[in-house]
Protein backbone atom coordinates (compact mmCIF):
# COMPACT_ATOMS: atom_id res chain seq x y z
CA MET A 1 26.94 -1.50 83.62
CA PHE A 2 23.55 -2.21 82.01
CA ILE A 3 20.41 -3.39 83.74
CA LEU A 4 17.81 -5.55 82.01
CA GLN A 5 14.34 -4.14 82.53
CA LYS A 6 10.95 -5.43 81.53
CA HIS A 7 9.50 -3.66 78.54
CA ARG A 8 6.38 -1.68 79.33
CA PRO A 9 3.96 -0.81 76.55
CA PRO A 10 3.13 2.85 76.03
CA PRO A 11 -0.02 4.15 77.71
CA CYS A 12 -3.19 3.66 75.70
CA ALA A 13 -4.52 6.69 73.87
CA LEU A 14 -8.03 5.33 73.27
CA SER A 15 -10.99 7.32 74.55
CA GLY A 16 -13.91 5.70 76.35
CA ILE A 17 -15.98 5.69 73.17
CA GLU A 18 -13.13 4.06 71.23
CA TRP A 19 -12.72 1.38 73.93
CA SER A 20 -16.45 0.70 73.73
CA ALA A 21 -16.33 0.37 69.94
CA LEU A 22 -13.30 -1.92 70.14
CA LYS A 23 -15.06 -4.14 72.66
CA GLU A 24 -18.08 -4.43 70.36
CA LEU A 25 -15.84 -5.26 67.41
CA LYS A 26 -14.02 -7.98 69.40
CA GLU A 27 -17.35 -9.74 69.97
CA ARG A 28 -17.96 -10.12 66.24
CA GLN A 29 -17.06 -13.49 64.73
CA ASP A 30 -16.73 -12.27 61.12
CA ILE A 31 -13.71 -10.01 61.66
CA VAL A 32 -10.16 -10.27 63.03
CA ILE A 33 -8.52 -7.50 65.04
CA ILE A 34 -4.73 -7.57 65.00
CA ARG A 35 -1.86 -5.22 65.71
CA ALA A 36 0.01 -4.32 62.55
CA ILE A 37 3.71 -5.14 62.37
CA LYS A 38 4.59 -1.58 61.43
CA ASP A 39 3.50 1.75 62.87
CA ASN A 40 1.93 0.33 66.07
CA VAL A 41 -1.62 0.45 64.74
CA THR A 42 -4.61 -1.85 65.14
CA VAL A 43 -6.15 -3.31 61.98
CA VAL A 44 -9.66 -4.72 61.52
CA LEU A 45 -9.92 -7.32 58.75
CA ASP A 46 -12.55 -9.60 57.28
CA LYS A 47 -11.88 -13.00 58.92
CA ASP A 48 -12.29 -15.12 55.78
CA LYS A 49 -10.01 -12.88 53.69
CA TYR A 50 -7.42 -12.81 56.50
CA GLU A 51 -7.41 -16.61 56.90
CA ASN A 52 -7.10 -17.11 53.12
CA LYS A 53 -4.19 -14.67 52.97
CA ILE A 54 -2.43 -16.46 55.84
CA LYS A 55 -2.95 -19.90 54.23
CA THR A 56 -1.63 -18.59 50.91
CA SER A 57 1.43 -17.09 52.61
CA LEU A 58 2.17 -20.30 54.52
CA GLN A 59 1.94 -22.38 51.34
CA ASP A 60 4.41 -20.12 49.52
CA ILE A 61 7.66 -22.12 49.66
CA SER A 62 9.69 -19.04 48.68
CA THR A 63 8.84 -17.43 52.05
CA CYS A 64 7.99 -20.36 54.37
CA VAL A 65 9.57 -23.73 55.04
CA GLU A 66 7.99 -26.41 57.20
CA LEU A 67 10.29 -27.31 60.07
CA ARG A 68 10.89 -30.93 61.07
CA SER A 69 11.05 -30.04 64.73
CA ASN A 70 10.35 -27.09 67.01
CA PRO A 71 13.54 -25.00 67.41
CA SER A 72 12.23 -23.10 70.46
CA ASN A 73 14.13 -25.15 73.08
CA LYS A 74 17.45 -24.81 71.26
CA ILE A 75 16.94 -21.05 70.81
CA GLU A 76 15.94 -20.67 74.47
CA LYS A 77 19.08 -22.54 75.63
CA THR A 78 21.28 -20.37 73.40
CA VAL A 79 19.72 -17.13 74.68
CA ASN A 80 19.91 -18.30 78.32
CA ALA A 81 23.59 -19.21 77.90
CA PHE A 82 24.27 -15.80 76.35
CA VAL A 83 22.49 -13.93 79.17
CA SER A 84 24.24 -16.07 81.79
CA ASP A 85 27.58 -15.21 80.21
CA LEU A 86 26.72 -11.49 80.29
CA LEU A 87 25.74 -11.80 83.97
CA ARG A 88 28.93 -13.71 84.80
CA LYS A 89 31.06 -11.04 83.09
CA GLU A 90 29.02 -8.39 84.93
CA ILE A 91 28.08 -6.69 81.69
CA ILE A 92 24.49 -6.81 82.91
CA THR A 93 22.96 -7.26 86.35
CA THR A 94 19.66 -8.62 87.65
CA ARG A 95 18.72 -5.37 89.39
């Protein structure tokens, strides 16, 4: 029997000085601070370059397609039905 648990992020390894520097960086309007997709690292980027790269990526029809409608509700219903089925079959529990 499996139990669904909320994911907890790992404890932060930043020192006080690093937290202070990060706070100062977050106040700047000319940069963007994001978490990288790979390797669980934080990346600081020039805001204009980042926005241009995002716009270019979104306009690339080989990687992005504009959707006619938001699929979130359909996906949420599908996932909820799947989880409900797992609960009903007692494959998972709410504890």
